[in-house]
Amino acid sequence: MEGTEVRKLAALEDAHWWYRERRHLLARAIEGLTPGRALDVGAAGGGNTRVLQAAGWSVAALEYGADGAEVAAERKLAVLRGDATSLPVADDSLDLVVAFDVLEHIVDDATAVAEVRRVLRPQGRFLVAVPADPRLWSEHDVAVDHVRRYTRATLSQVLQQGGFEVTSLTSWNVLLRPVVALRRRSSSGSDLEQVPRVVNAGLRAVVTLERYLPVKALPGVTLLAEARPRT
């Protein structure tokens, strides 16, 4: 992701409905886990890093680009500069790796997954979020440097081939998928924009409602996976 997009994301993420709900999903995913050492891969503005930090994890934000690393450092987060396909972390040294909206930016996503497997301890967890469904491909994907969108099959395959057992695979942003699909047909760039306060509140209400509905098996805009190292 280009530096301008990282800066835009950082300015948006505290209040924006999408990022707020994504932080909630991460907080729910780590409930009940004993805090240990964690890495937030592709941390950008560091919103997810701060969720882990607040939950008691010893966490570092990994950023490839200078802009993302600079933003995370400005927010007083521990930062590592590095490539997701060659993590600057020792073997079997982490209890948790989070890669939310990262794998779709990496040409060699298989190597990135294998690297996560290398650095995780045997009982560690890998939490992943990726954009779903190639049919939703649009100028937004181009603007934010996506290489691909995933299906359940392709995400499962890359995780399994990288040495993981997929323990959970669900959809998110299901209720708003028709709206996103319609918007993307006419989009001419990134969706990383401020939205009016009333619209933001309305969209936040919709994704909050989704927490309580049995829709996680239906097609959505994002796929969420939890995986554990296969022994």
Protein backbone atom coordinates (compact mmCIF):
# COMPACT_ATOMS: atom_id res chain seq x y z
CA MET A 1 0.00 0.00 0.00
CA GLU A 2 1.32 3.43 -0.93
CA GLY A 3 2.33 5.87 1.76
CA THR A 4 -0.57 8.20 1.00
CA GLU A 5 -3.04 5.35 1.53
CA VAL A 6 -1.38 4.37 4.82
CA ARG A 7 -1.65 7.94 6.07
CA LYS A 8 -5.26 8.09 4.94
CA LEU A 9 -6.02 4.84 6.76
CA ALA A 10 -4.38 6.07 9.95
CA ALA A 11 -6.47 9.23 9.88
CA LEU A 12 -9.67 7.24 9.35
CA GLU A 13 -9.38 4.18 11.50
CA ASP A 14 -10.25 5.48 14.97
CA ALA A 15 -13.81 6.48 14.05
CA HIS A 16 -14.55 4.73 10.75
CA TRP A 17 -17.25 2.06 11.03
CA TRP A 18 -15.27 -0.61 9.16
CA TYR A 19 -12.09 -0.32 11.20
CA ARG A 20 -13.96 -0.05 14.50
CA GLU A 21 -15.82 -3.27 13.85
CA ARG A 22 -12.65 -4.99 12.67
CA ARG A 23 -11.01 -4.10 15.99
CA HIS A 24 -14.02 -5.58 17.79
CA LEU A 25 -13.65 -8.79 15.81
CA LEU A 26 -10.00 -9.03 16.79
CA ALA A 27 -10.81 -8.40 20.44
CA ARG A 28 -13.40 -11.18 20.33
CA ALA A 29 -10.96 -13.56 18.62
CA ILE A 30 -8.38 -13.23 21.41
CA GLU A 31 -10.84 -13.51 24.30
CA GLY A 32 -9.75 -16.28 26.64
CA LEU A 33 -6.22 -16.50 25.26
CA THR A 34 -3.34 -16.07 27.68
CA PRO A 35 -1.39 -13.01 26.53
CA GLY A 36 2.10 -13.70 25.29
CA ARG A 37 4.31 -12.49 22.43
CA ALA A 38 2.49 -11.29 19.34
CA LEU A 39 3.19 -9.76 15.95
CA ASP A 40 0.79 -7.58 13.98
CA VAL A 41 1.86 -8.04 10.36
CA GLY A 42 1.13 -5.10 8.09
CA ALA A 43 0.02 -3.00 11.04
CA ALA A 44 -0.32 0.28 9.07
CA GLY A 45 -1.83 2.77 11.53
CA GLY A 46 -1.49 0.32 14.41
CA GLY A 47 -5.17 0.09 15.35
CA ASN A 48 -5.05 -3.69 15.74
CA THR A 49 -1.68 -3.51 17.48
CA ARG A 50 -3.26 -1.31 20.12
CA VAL A 51 -6.08 -3.83 20.63
CA LEU A 52 -3.50 -6.50 21.41
CA GLN A 53 -1.49 -4.15 23.60
CA ALA A 54 -4.59 -3.21 25.61
CA ALA A 55 -5.33 -6.92 26.14
CA GLY A 56 -1.91 -7.46 27.73
CA TRP A 57 0.05 -8.86 24.80
CA SER A 58 3.70 -8.01 24.24
CA VAL A 59 3.23 -6.97 20.63
CA ALA A 60 5.22 -5.41 17.83
CA ALA A 61 3.87 -3.82 14.67
CA LEU A 62 5.55 -5.12 11.51
CA GLU A 63 5.64 -2.70 8.58
CA TYR A 64 7.40 -2.98 5.26
CA GLY A 65 7.09 0.67 4.28
CA ALA A 66 8.57 3.71 5.95
CA ASP A 67 5.23 5.53 6.23
CA GLY A 68 3.49 2.73 8.11
CA ALA A 69 6.45 2.28 10.44
CA GLU A 70 6.56 6.02 11.08
CA VAL A 71 2.85 6.18 11.91
CA ALA A 72 3.13 3.25 14.33
CA ALA A 73 6.17 4.80 16.02
CA GLU A 74 4.32 8.12 16.36
CA ARG A 75 1.65 6.18 18.26
CA LYS A 76 4.30 4.86 20.68
CA LEU A 77 4.12 1.29 19.39
CA ALA A 78 7.03 -1.11 19.12
CA VAL A 79 7.85 -1.33 15.42
CA LEU A 80 9.76 -3.78 13.25
CA ARG A 81 10.61 -2.98 9.64
CA GLY A 82 10.53 -6.05 7.50
CA ASP A 83 9.03 -8.14 4.74
CA ALA A 84 6.21 -10.56 5.50
CA THR A 85 7.95 -13.16 3.32
CA SER A 86 11.07 -12.97 5.50
CA LEU A 87 9.99 -12.11 9.03
CA PRO A 88 12.73 -10.63 11.25
CA VAL A 89 11.69 -12.95 14.09
CA ALA A 90 13.24 -16.12 15.51
CA ASP A 91 11.77 -19.57 14.96
CA ASP A 92 9.08 -20.74 17.42
CA SER A 93 9.13 -17.44 19.28
CA LEU A 94 5.57 -16.08 19.03
CA ASP A 95 2.22 -17.04 20.52
CA LEU A 96 0.08 -15.05 18.13
CA VAL A 97 0.37 -13.56 14.66
CA VAL A 98 -2.30 -11.27 13.24
CA ALA A 99 -2.43 -10.50 9.52
CA PHE A 100 -5.58 -8.50 8.84
CA ASP A 101 -5.85 -7.39 5.21
CA VAL A 102 -2.25 -8.24 4.39
CA LEU A 103 -2.01 -11.46 2.37
CA GLU A 104 -3.91 -9.97 -0.56
CA HIS A 105 -1.07 -7.46 -1.05
CA ILE A 106 1.65 -10.12 -1.30
CA VAL A 107 2.44 -11.80 -4.60
CA ASP A 108 3.99 -14.81 -2.85
CA ASP A 109 1.36 -15.29 -0.15
CA ALA A 110 2.41 -18.94 0.30
CA THR A 111 5.87 -17.90 1.50
CA ALA A 112 4.34 -15.34 3.85
CA VAL A 113 2.12 -18.03 5.40
CA ALA A 114 5.08 -20.41 5.72
CA GLU A 115 7.02 -17.66 7.51
CA VAL A 116 4.22 -17.24 10.02
CA ARG A 117 4.29 -20.99 10.63
CA ARG A 118 8.06 -20.78 11.20
CA VAL A 119 7.84 -18.10 13.88
CA LEU A 120 4.81 -19.46 15.74
CA ARG A 121 5.15 -21.78 18.70
CA PRO A 122 3.37 -25.15 18.36
CA GLN A 123 0.36 -23.92 20.35
CA GLY A 124 0.28 -20.51 18.68
CA ARG A 125 -2.56 -18.92 16.72
CA PHE A 126 -2.70 -17.24 13.35
CA LEU A 127 -5.57 -14.79 12.80
CA VAL A 128 -6.21 -13.75 9.20
CA ALA A 129 -8.57 -11.38 7.42
CA VAL A 130 -8.63 -11.06 3.63
CA PRO A 131 -10.98 -9.53 1.04
CA ALA A 132 -13.44 -12.09 -0.28
CA ASP A 133 -14.65 -13.06 -3.72
CA PRO A 134 -12.87 -12.19 -6.97
CA ARG A 135 -16.25 -11.10 -8.37
CA LEU A 136 -16.00 -8.01 -6.14
CA TRP A 137 -12.73 -6.93 -7.76
CA SER A 138 -12.80 -3.22 -8.59
CA GLU A 139 -10.73 -0.07 -8.92
CA HIS A 140 -10.61 0.01 -5.12
CA ASP A 141 -8.48 -3.15 -5.17
CA VAL A 142 -6.18 -1.60 -7.75
CA ALA A 143 -5.85 1.65 -5.77
CA VAL A 144 -4.82 -0.14 -2.56
CA ASP A 145 -2.43 -2.54 -4.33
CA HIS A 146 -4.34 -5.78 -3.95
CA VAL A 147 -2.98 -8.76 -5.87
CA ARG A 148 -6.05 -10.93 -5.38
CA ARG A 149 -9.32 -11.50 -3.55
CA TYR A 150 -9.87 -14.89 -1.91
CA THR A 151 -12.50 -17.59 -1.85
CA ARG A 152 -12.94 -19.95 1.09
CA ALA A 153 -11.19 -22.62 -0.96
CA THR A 154 -8.17 -20.52 -1.94
CA LEU A 155 -7.66 -19.15 1.58
CA SER A 156 -7.95 -22.60 3.12
CA GLN A 157 -5.53 -23.99 0.56
CA VAL A 158 -2.77 -21.43 1.17
CA LEU A 159 -3.07 -21.86 4.94
CA GLN A 160 -3.06 -25.65 4.81
CA GLN A 161 -0.16 -25.79 2.38
CA GLY A 162 1.74 -23.44 4.68
CA GLY A 163 1.51 -25.91 7.56
CA PHE A 164 -1.69 -24.82 9.30
CA GLU A 165 -4.92 -26.43 10.39
CA VAL A 166 -7.81 -24.06 9.77
CA THR A 167 -9.97 -24.08 12.91
CA SER A 168 -12.43 -21.36 11.90
CA LEU A 169 -13.38 -19.74 8.59
CA THR A 170 -16.24 -17.25 8.51
CA SER A 171 -17.58 -14.37 6.46
CA TRP A 172 -17.86 -10.80 7.63
CA ASN A 173 -19.65 -7.76 6.22
CA VAL A 174 -22.38 -10.02 4.86
CA LEU A 175 -25.32 -7.65 5.25
CA LEU A 176 -23.59 -4.85 3.37
CA ARG A 177 -22.27 -7.02 0.56
CA PRO A 178 -24.99 -5.93 -1.93
CA VAL A 179 -24.21 -2.27 -1.21
CA VAL A 180 -20.47 -2.85 -1.63
CA ALA A 181 -20.99 -4.78 -4.86
CA LEU A 182 -23.09 -1.95 -6.29
CA ARG A 183 -20.65 0.74 -5.20
CA ARG A 184 -17.64 -1.12 -6.56
CA ARG A 185 -19.17 -1.34 -10.04
CA SER A 186 -18.81 2.40 -10.43
CA SER A 187 -15.80 3.01 -8.18
CA SER A 188 -12.82 4.87 -9.58
CA GLY A 189 -10.39 4.52 -6.68
CA SER A 190 -9.90 3.64 -3.04
CA ASP A 191 -12.83 3.45 -0.61
CA LEU A 192 -10.58 4.79 2.15
CA GLU A 193 -12.52 8.01 2.56
CA GLN A 194 -14.28 9.86 5.32
CA VAL A 195 -18.04 9.32 5.33
CA PRO A 196 -20.61 11.69 6.82
CA ARG A 197 -21.20 11.14 10.52
CA VAL A 198 -24.81 10.01 10.07
CA VAL A 199 -23.83 7.53 7.35
CA ASN A 200 -20.94 6.26 9.47
CA ALA A 201 -23.32 5.68 12.39
CA GLY A 202 -25.80 3.85 10.16
CA LEU A 203 -23.18 1.55 8.66
CA ARG A 204 -21.78 0.87 12.10
CA ALA A 205 -25.25 -0.15 13.29
CA VAL A 206 -25.57 -2.62 10.40
CA VAL A 207 -22.25 -4.35 11.04
CA THR A 208 -22.96 -4.38 14.78
CA LEU A 209 -26.28 -6.12 14.11
CA GLU A 210 -24.41 -8.73 12.09
CA ARG A 211 -22.71 -9.93 15.29
CA TYR A 212 -26.02 -11.43 16.43
CA LEU A 213 -27.29 -12.96 13.20
CA PRO A 214 -26.52 -16.45 11.78
CA VAL A 215 -24.92 -15.14 8.60
CA LYS A 216 -21.26 -16.09 8.98
CA ALA A 217 -21.55 -18.93 6.45
CA LEU A 218 -23.01 -16.67 3.74
CA PRO A 219 -20.98 -14.73 1.15
CA GLY A 220 -19.49 -11.54 2.57
CA VAL A 221 -16.95 -8.88 1.72
CA THR A 222 -14.24 -10.26 4.03
CA LEU A 223 -13.10 -13.73 5.11
CA LEU A 224 -11.86 -14.29 8.66
CA ALA A 225 -9.78 -17.33 9.52
CA GLU A 226 -8.19 -18.75 12.64
CA ALA A 227 -5.46 -21.34 12.14
CA ARG A 228 -3.08 -23.34 14.31
CA PRO A 229 0.24 -24.92 13.40
CA ARG A 230 -0.25 -28.47 12.16
CA THR A 231 1.92 -30.92 14.04
